[in-house]
Structure formats: C-alpha cells, structure tokens
C-alpha cells in the first residue's frame, strides 16, 4: 500500500501556513489490512481510520457516485484498485486536490499549484455540485487569512448557482451547516464567511434573515456570533443546533441592550436579575466591548459594583425574604450608578 498526505495540509504547506490537522489517503489497501496494522476504524459510510499512535485520520482511496439527496445520498467504492488520481478527482477544489508522498514529492493532477499561484478557487469536477455543503465550505474558506483574497472561477460560480437552484442545501443536516459556521467563527475573518453566504445566495434555509455579515469586532467565537445576531435583529440560525453557551450569550445581550440608567427602577431590577451579572460577569465584560453597546460605560460601572457587592449574607435569610432582600441590594447598586 502507498500513503499520501492530502487536502488542506498540503495546500497550507505549499502556502507556507501551518495547518491545524493532517489527512492521509491510502492507496492499494483494504479494511482488513488496516485493522491488522492496528488502525482504529471510525468511518460509518466508508473506511476511515485513526492512526494507532498519532490519532490522525487515514482514509482508503475511494470513488463515489450520487444516488440520492443529502449527505447520505452517495454510494462509495474503496477497492484496492482505486487510484490516487481517482480519489483526488472527487475533492472540492483543485487547491485541495494535491497530494504529497513519503518522499515529499507533490502529485498535482488538476493544476492546484497553478490555482494557488493565481489565488483561484476552481472546482475539480462535476462531482462538486453533488454535495451542496461544498458551496458553504467555500464561504468558510474566506474566513482564513491566507485564502481570503482568492477569486472564484466562473465555472465554479455556475456550479454553485446550480446547487442553489436545486434547493439541496435544505437537505443538509443542520449539524453540518453549524460545523462549518462554528469553524468560520473561530477563524481570523468570520465576517467574510457570512459575506460570502450572502454573495453566493446560500441563505435558504439556514440564513434567510442574514443581511449584515459584520461580526469581527471581538476574537471570541461566542461573542462574534452574538454580534452577528445583534446586527441582524436576532433573527438568525433557523434550525441550527446552537450550543447552550451561544444561546445564553444571545439572551444576555438582549437584556444588556435594554439596560440604561433612564429606565424605570423596577424594570431595571428585573433586567439585572434576568441577566444574572454574577454568573455571566466574564461574558458581559466581553459583550459590552462590542460597538452595538452605546451604554457600555453605564453597563461597565453596573457590572463592577455588582462584582464587588457581597451577596453571601443572603444564605442566612429565609427563602421567603431572599427575593425582597435581593431587590433592596439591586436598588442600592442602581443608586450608586447614578
């Protein structure tokens, strides 16, 4: 069997960028041979294995054929006769269809090197539009610093238009779409991802209300998503499986945006309680750095006073009187902020 490094790791190495993970393809082997060599199987639809020492992913070279809709609508063939070029031909873009052997030799059957030099995203084959997630993945690539200035080949734009027209994006699992979105939020330029979602008309059905792609004011992924939500009137993420920390940040930001020193005192007490400044203090201090919070000075002062207020005596008060005493404390804090 022959082992090749493939995909983004090869692309990034050529571009002088350190890659976060490395994928490998094995040509001329079988699941039985992989198991006998100690590899750990993890693939459900086709044989993918973890290396017993490095934990990196090794996949058998394979071909695929579209037989239905959605991510599961493929039939895979991974016989020992599948060549490296056949495996590379099913990949998304030419810059990701480059391999490197154990001696450092580059195998580039689709001119990925030329497209890296020309800063061009070009799909490898007609298999591109068979998996609609590839269009969303293209948008995600723009969130990387070393790929953000690439242009898109005209034929690839037409393939994306075909994906949009087919409405197959609706057949993607929300988990796969969120995975791409989450990775973009962790990258240097998350706003570019949402900008390309708009530009490439990939809005339906997961981002229908997306109008403003701006979300790069902070480095934290949760705060970035919250900024995006604020900039789009909290109307995003239809059906996306958001983690609890993301949902909590959205709820907290909605309360913070309503808090200012001129509102009714009783209403302000309710908002402070709902916001739970003590538990969410670190999140709040991050959120109020966003340009959306014109009341950040007041919120910062309120946050600091709450942080330094001793609530411990409440543990010695009867349950019936705790709420009453908390309200008294909050009103004292509010008065200190005036």
Protein backbone atom coordinates (compact mmCIF):
# COMPACT_ATOMS: atom_id res chain seq x y z
CA UNK A 1 0.00 0.00 0.00
CA UNK A 2 1.03 3.64 -0.54
CA UNK A 3 0.39 6.53 1.86
CA UNK A 4 -0.15 10.14 0.78
CA UNK A 5 -0.73 13.37 2.66
CA UNK A 6 -3.70 15.15 1.03
CA UNK A 7 -6.00 18.13 1.14
CA UNK A 8 -5.67 21.29 3.19
CA UNK A 9 -2.47 20.22 4.92
CA UNK A 10 -0.66 20.01 1.59
CA UNK A 11 -2.21 23.26 0.36
CA UNK A 12 -1.24 25.12 3.52
CA UNK A 13 2.30 23.73 3.49
CA UNK A 14 2.75 24.98 -0.08
CA UNK A 15 1.46 28.39 1.00
CA UNK A 16 3.79 28.49 4.00
CA UNK A 17 0.98 28.21 6.54
CA UNK A 18 0.86 25.80 9.47
CA UNK A 19 -2.16 23.50 9.17
CA UNK A 20 -4.25 22.56 12.19
CA UNK A 21 -4.73 18.95 11.09
CA UNK A 22 -3.45 16.47 8.54
CA UNK A 23 -5.39 13.99 6.40
CA UNK A 24 -3.95 10.93 4.71
CA UNK A 25 -5.08 8.69 1.87
CA UNK A 26 -4.01 5.09 1.48
CA UNK A 27 -3.93 3.52 -1.97
CA UNK A 28 -3.88 -0.24 -2.55
CA UNK A 29 -5.07 -1.42 0.85
CA UNK A 30 -8.21 -2.87 2.42
CA UNK A 31 -10.12 -2.54 5.70
CA UNK A 32 -8.76 -5.91 6.79
CA UNK A 33 -5.16 -4.84 6.22
CA UNK A 34 -5.71 -1.56 8.06
CA UNK A 35 -7.14 -3.37 11.07
CA UNK A 36 -4.28 -5.85 11.08
CA UNK A 37 -1.85 -2.91 11.27
CA UNK A 38 -3.56 -1.55 14.38
CA UNK A 39 -5.58 1.26 12.79
CA UNK A 40 -8.84 2.12 14.57
CA UNK A 41 -11.97 2.29 12.35
CA UNK A 42 -14.16 5.40 12.74
CA UNK A 43 -15.87 5.78 9.34
CA UNK A 44 -19.55 4.92 9.00
CA UNK A 45 -20.12 5.20 5.25
CA UNK A 46 -16.60 4.37 4.07
CA UNK A 47 -13.39 3.19 5.73
CA UNK A 48 -11.67 5.94 7.70
CA UNK A 49 -9.20 5.01 10.42
CA UNK A 50 -7.26 6.65 13.22
CA UNK A 51 -3.54 6.01 13.31
CA UNK A 52 -2.75 3.99 16.46
CA UNK A 53 -0.01 6.43 17.52
CA UNK A 54 -0.70 9.88 16.01
CA UNK A 55 -4.53 9.73 16.03
CA UNK A 56 -4.52 11.34 12.57
CA UNK A 57 -7.16 10.26 10.05
CA UNK A 58 -6.28 7.80 7.30
CA UNK A 59 -8.87 7.03 4.62
CA UNK A 60 -8.81 4.39 1.92
CA UNK A 61 -8.77 5.85 -1.57
CA UNK A 62 -12.32 5.84 -2.88
CA UNK A 63 -14.69 6.91 -5.60
CA UNK A 64 -18.28 7.98 -5.04
CA UNK A 65 -21.48 8.15 -7.03
CA UNK A 66 -24.52 10.30 -6.34
CA UNK A 67 -27.53 8.02 -5.78
CA UNK A 68 -29.90 10.19 -3.72
CA UNK A 69 -30.34 13.51 -1.96
CA UNK A 70 -28.47 14.88 1.03
CA UNK A 71 -25.22 13.84 2.65
CA UNK A 72 -26.17 10.17 2.71
CA UNK A 73 -27.11 10.05 -0.97
CA UNK A 74 -23.82 8.55 -2.16
CA UNK A 75 -22.51 5.10 -2.97
CA UNK A 76 -18.80 4.61 -2.25
CA UNK A 77 -16.30 2.23 -3.76
CA UNK A 78 -12.97 1.71 -1.99
CA UNK A 79 -11.38 -1.28 -3.66
CA UNK A 80 -7.62 -1.74 -3.76
CA UNK A 81 -7.68 -0.76 -7.44
CA UNK A 82 -8.82 2.83 -6.79
CA UNK A 83 -6.01 5.16 -7.86
CA UNK A 84 -4.80 8.30 -6.12
CA UNK A 85 -5.96 10.45 -9.04
CA UNK A 86 -9.45 8.94 -8.87
CA UNK A 87 -9.59 9.77 -5.17
CA UNK A 88 -8.37 13.33 -5.73
CA UNK A 89 -10.87 13.87 -8.53
CA UNK A 90 -13.81 13.70 -6.08
CA UNK A 91 -12.44 16.54 -3.94
CA UNK A 92 -13.91 20.01 -3.92
CA UNK A 93 -11.29 22.43 -5.26
CA UNK A 94 -8.11 21.97 -7.22
CA UNK A 95 -6.06 23.56 -4.44
CA UNK A 96 -7.30 20.77 -2.15
CA UNK A 97 -6.73 18.01 -4.71
CA UNK A 98 -2.97 17.93 -4.25
CA UNK A 99 -1.12 15.03 -2.62
CA UNK A 100 2.37 14.52 -1.22
CA UNK A 101 4.13 11.17 -0.92
CA UNK A 102 6.51 9.98 1.79
CA UNK A 103 9.47 11.46 -0.08
CA UNK A 104 7.95 14.92 -0.30
CA UNK A 105 7.03 14.60 -3.98
CA UNK A 106 3.96 16.64 -4.96
CA UNK A 107 1.26 14.95 -7.06
CA UNK A 108 -0.93 17.59 -8.70
CA UNK A 109 -3.16 16.11 -11.45
CA UNK A 110 -5.58 19.08 -11.58
CA UNK A 111 -3.18 22.06 -11.55
CA UNK A 112 -3.86 23.00 -7.95
CA UNK A 113 -0.39 24.55 -7.74
CA UNK A 114 -1.25 26.91 -10.58
CA UNK A 115 -4.51 27.89 -8.92
CA UNK A 116 -2.73 28.55 -5.62
CA UNK A 117 -0.32 30.82 -7.50
CA UNK A 118 -3.24 32.59 -9.21
CA UNK A 119 -5.30 32.70 -5.99
CA UNK A 120 -8.23 30.93 -7.57
CA UNK A 121 -10.94 28.64 -6.25
CA UNK A 122 -11.79 26.21 -9.04
CA UNK A 123 -13.82 23.04 -8.58
CA UNK A 124 -12.21 19.79 -9.64
CA UNK A 125 -15.06 18.06 -11.47
CA UNK A 126 -18.82 17.87 -11.89
CA UNK A 127 -18.91 15.94 -8.62
CA UNK A 128 -18.64 19.36 -6.94
CA UNK A 129 -22.34 20.19 -7.06
CA UNK A 130 -23.36 16.72 -5.89
CA UNK A 131 -22.59 17.72 -2.30
CA UNK A 132 -24.18 21.12 -1.55
CA UNK A 133 -22.11 21.57 1.61
CA UNK A 134 -19.15 22.32 -0.64
CA UNK A 135 -20.69 25.69 -1.51
CA UNK A 136 -20.92 26.58 2.18
CA UNK A 137 -17.41 25.27 2.75
CA UNK A 138 -16.19 27.64 0.02
CA UNK A 139 -17.68 30.52 2.01
CA UNK A 140 -15.86 29.25 5.10
CA UNK A 141 -12.50 29.23 3.31
CA UNK A 142 -12.76 33.02 3.06
CA UNK A 143 -12.56 33.26 6.85
CA UNK A 144 -8.88 32.14 6.67
CA UNK A 145 -6.26 34.85 6.35
CA UNK A 146 -4.31 33.07 3.60
CA UNK A 147 -7.40 32.33 1.46
CA UNK A 148 -9.48 35.48 1.89
CA UNK A 149 -8.15 37.18 -1.26
CA UNK A 150 -8.86 34.29 -3.64
CA UNK A 151 -11.30 34.77 -6.50
CA UNK A 152 -13.81 32.16 -7.73
CA UNK A 153 -13.61 30.59 -11.15
CA UNK A 154 -16.57 31.44 -13.37
CA UNK A 155 -17.42 27.76 -13.94
CA UNK A 156 -17.42 27.22 -10.18
CA UNK A 157 -19.83 30.12 -9.73
CA UNK A 158 -22.14 28.38 -12.22
CA UNK A 159 -21.88 25.14 -10.26
CA UNK A 160 -22.82 26.99 -7.07
CA UNK A 161 -25.77 28.54 -8.83
CA UNK A 162 -26.82 25.03 -9.82
CA UNK A 163 -26.63 23.96 -6.16
CA UNK A 164 -28.78 26.94 -5.12
CA UNK A 165 -31.32 26.27 -7.85
CA UNK A 166 -31.61 22.60 -6.85
CA UNK A 167 -32.54 23.66 -3.27
CA UNK A 168 -30.46 20.73 -2.00
CA UNK A 169 -28.95 22.88 0.72
CA UNK A 170 -32.24 22.31 2.54
CA UNK A 171 -31.39 18.59 2.62
CA UNK A 172 -28.17 19.20 4.54
CA UNK A 173 -28.21 18.34 8.20
CA UNK A 174 -28.25 21.41 10.42
CA UNK A 175 -25.28 19.93 12.28
CA UNK A 176 -23.08 20.00 9.18
CA UNK A 177 -24.01 23.60 8.43
CA UNK A 178 -23.36 24.63 12.04
CA UNK A 179 -20.00 22.83 11.96
CA UNK A 180 -18.87 25.00 9.02
CA UNK A 181 -20.27 28.11 10.71
CA UNK A 182 -18.57 27.32 14.01
CA UNK A 183 -15.21 26.83 12.29
CA UNK A 184 -15.62 30.16 10.49
CA UNK A 185 -16.37 31.88 13.81
CA UNK A 186 -13.06 30.51 15.14
CA UNK A 187 -11.06 31.82 12.18
CA UNK A 188 -9.45 35.26 11.74
CA UNK A 189 -12.13 36.70 9.41
CA UNK A 190 -15.61 35.35 10.31
CA UNK A 191 -17.40 38.27 8.65
CA UNK A 192 -16.05 37.08 5.29
CA UNK A 193 -17.88 33.77 5.72
CA UNK A 194 -21.26 35.41 6.17
CA UNK A 195 -20.48 37.94 3.44
CA UNK A 196 -19.93 35.07 1.00
CA UNK A 197 -23.10 33.30 2.23
CA UNK A 198 -24.94 36.42 1.07
CA UNK A 199 -22.91 36.94 -2.12
CA UNK A 200 -23.29 33.33 -3.27
CA UNK A 201 -27.01 33.33 -2.38
CA UNK A 202 -26.62 30.46 0.10
CA UNK A 203 -29.16 31.93 2.52
CA UNK A 204 -32.03 29.47 2.24
CA UNK A 205 -32.95 27.83 4.57
CA UNK A 206 -30.44 28.39 7.39
CA UNK A 207 -29.61 32.09 6.97
CA UNK A 208 -32.75 33.57 5.44
CA UNK A 209 -32.67 36.73 7.57
CA UNK A 210 -28.96 37.42 7.17
CA UNK A 211 -28.46 40.98 5.93
CA UNK A 212 -25.43 42.29 7.83
CA UNK A 213 -22.38 39.95 7.86
CA UNK A 214 -20.33 42.01 10.33
CA UNK A 215 -19.11 40.01 13.35
CA UNK A 216 -15.36 40.56 13.64
CA UNK A 217 -15.19 43.13 16.45
CA UNK A 218 -14.07 40.53 19.01
CA UNK A 219 -11.85 37.45 18.97
CA UNK A 220 -14.16 35.14 20.93
CA UNK A 221 -16.40 32.87 18.82
CA UNK A 222 -19.43 33.21 21.11
CA UNK A 223 -19.18 37.00 21.19
CA UNK A 224 -18.76 37.04 17.40
CA UNK A 225 -21.96 35.04 16.93
CA UNK A 226 -23.77 37.35 19.35
CA UNK A 227 -22.59 40.41 17.42
CA UNK A 228 -23.90 38.85 14.22
CA UNK A 229 -27.25 38.20 15.89
CA UNK A 230 -27.47 41.79 17.15
CA UNK A 231 -26.62 43.12 13.69
CA UNK A 232 -29.44 41.03 12.24
CA UNK A 233 -32.13 41.77 14.85
CA UNK A 234 -31.71 38.32 16.47
CA UNK A 235 -33.40 36.65 13.50
CA UNK A 236 -30.67 34.17 12.51
CA UNK A 237 -29.98 30.46 12.92
CA UNK A 238 -33.26 28.88 11.88
CA UNK A 239 -32.87 25.26 12.93
CA UNK A 240 -29.14 25.38 13.68
CA UNK A 241 -28.13 23.34 16.78
CA UNK A 242 -26.57 26.16 18.80
CA UNK A 243 -24.66 25.12 21.94
CA UNK A 244 -26.03 26.38 25.25
CA UNK A 245 -23.26 28.95 25.65
CA UNK A 246 -24.31 30.60 22.38
CA UNK A 247 -27.98 30.70 23.36
CA UNK A 248 -27.08 32.11 26.76
CA UNK A 249 -24.97 34.87 25.21
CA UNK A 250 -27.86 35.86 22.95
CA UNK A 251 -30.27 36.04 25.92
CA UNK A 252 -27.79 38.07 27.98
CA UNK A 253 -27.13 40.51 25.13
CA UNK A 254 -30.85 41.13 24.64
CA UNK A 255 -31.14 42.14 28.29
CA UNK A 256 -27.98 44.27 28.23
CA UNK A 257 -29.22 46.23 25.22
CA UNK A 258 -32.30 47.23 27.23
CA UNK A 259 -30.37 48.35 30.31
CA UNK A 260 -29.68 52.07 30.69
CA UNK A 261 -29.86 54.50 33.57
CA UNK A 262 -33.01 56.27 32.43
CA UNK A 263 -35.44 53.33 32.54
CA UNK A 264 -37.82 52.66 35.41
CA UNK A 265 -36.05 51.38 38.53
CA UNK A 266 -38.31 48.35 38.95
CA UNK A 267 -37.82 47.39 35.30
CA UNK A 268 -34.07 47.78 35.72
CA UNK A 269 -34.08 45.47 38.75
CA UNK A 270 -35.90 42.81 36.73
CA UNK A 271 -33.39 43.09 33.89
CA UNK A 272 -30.42 42.86 36.26
CA UNK A 273 -31.88 39.70 37.80
CA UNK A 274 -32.63 38.15 34.41
CA UNK A 275 -29.13 38.95 33.17
CA UNK A 276 -27.51 37.26 36.18
CA UNK A 277 -24.47 39.52 36.32
CA UNK A 278 -22.68 37.35 38.86
CA UNK A 279 -22.77 34.17 36.81
CA UNK A 280 -22.27 35.89 33.45
CA UNK A 281 -19.75 38.52 34.50
CA UNK A 282 -16.94 37.43 32.14
CA UNK A 283 -19.34 37.17 29.20
CA UNK A 284 -20.85 40.57 29.98
CA UNK A 285 -17.44 42.24 30.12
CA UNK A 286 -16.72 40.82 26.66
CA UNK A 287 -20.10 41.69 25.16
CA UNK A 288 -20.06 45.34 26.20
CA UNK A 289 -16.88 45.88 24.17
CA UNK A 290 -18.97 45.45 21.01
CA UNK A 291 -19.81 48.65 19.09
CA UNK A 292 -23.53 47.83 19.48
CA UNK A 293 -23.47 48.81 23.16
CA UNK A 294 -23.69 52.58 23.29
CA UNK A 295 -24.48 52.23 27.01
CA UNK A 296 -21.20 50.40 27.71
CA UNK A 297 -19.96 52.92 30.31
CA UNK A 298 -23.08 52.51 32.42
CA UNK A 299 -23.03 48.73 31.99
CA UNK A 300 -19.37 48.59 32.95
CA UNK A 301 -19.98 50.60 36.11
CA UNK A 302 -23.01 48.48 36.98
CA UNK A 303 -21.01 45.32 36.38
CA UNK A 304 -18.12 46.47 38.59
CA UNK A 305 -20.37 47.38 41.51
CA UNK A 306 -22.27 44.09 41.31
CA UNK A 307 -18.95 42.23 41.22
CA UNK A 308 -17.78 43.87 44.42
CA UNK A 309 -21.11 43.56 46.25
CA UNK A 310 -21.32 40.90 48.97
CA UNK A 311 -24.39 38.72 48.46
CA UNK A 312 -23.23 35.99 50.85
CA UNK A 313 -25.46 37.11 53.72
CA UNK A 314 -28.49 36.03 51.70
CA UNK A 315 -27.66 32.42 52.56
CA UNK A 316 -28.69 33.08 56.15
CA UNK A 317 -32.07 34.58 55.23
CA UNK A 318 -35.28 32.61 54.92
CA UNK A 319 -36.38 31.68 51.42
CA UNK A 320 -39.46 33.87 51.79
CA UNK A 321 -37.35 37.01 52.28
CA UNK A 322 -34.43 36.38 49.89
CA UNK A 323 -36.14 37.97 46.88
CA UNK A 324 -37.12 41.03 48.88
CA UNK A 325 -33.55 41.49 50.16
CA UNK A 326 -32.06 40.97 46.69
CA UNK A 327 -34.29 43.71 45.30
CA UNK A 328 -33.09 46.05 48.05
CA UNK A 329 -29.47 45.31 47.15
CA UNK A 330 -30.08 45.87 43.45
CA UNK A 331 -31.76 49.19 44.14
CA UNK A 332 -28.79 50.26 46.24
CA UNK A 333 -26.49 49.30 43.37
CA UNK A 334 -28.61 51.26 40.91
CA UNK A 335 -28.41 54.34 43.13
CA UNK A 336 -24.62 54.01 43.30
CA UNK A 337 -24.51 54.07 39.50
CA UNK A 338 -26.34 57.36 39.21
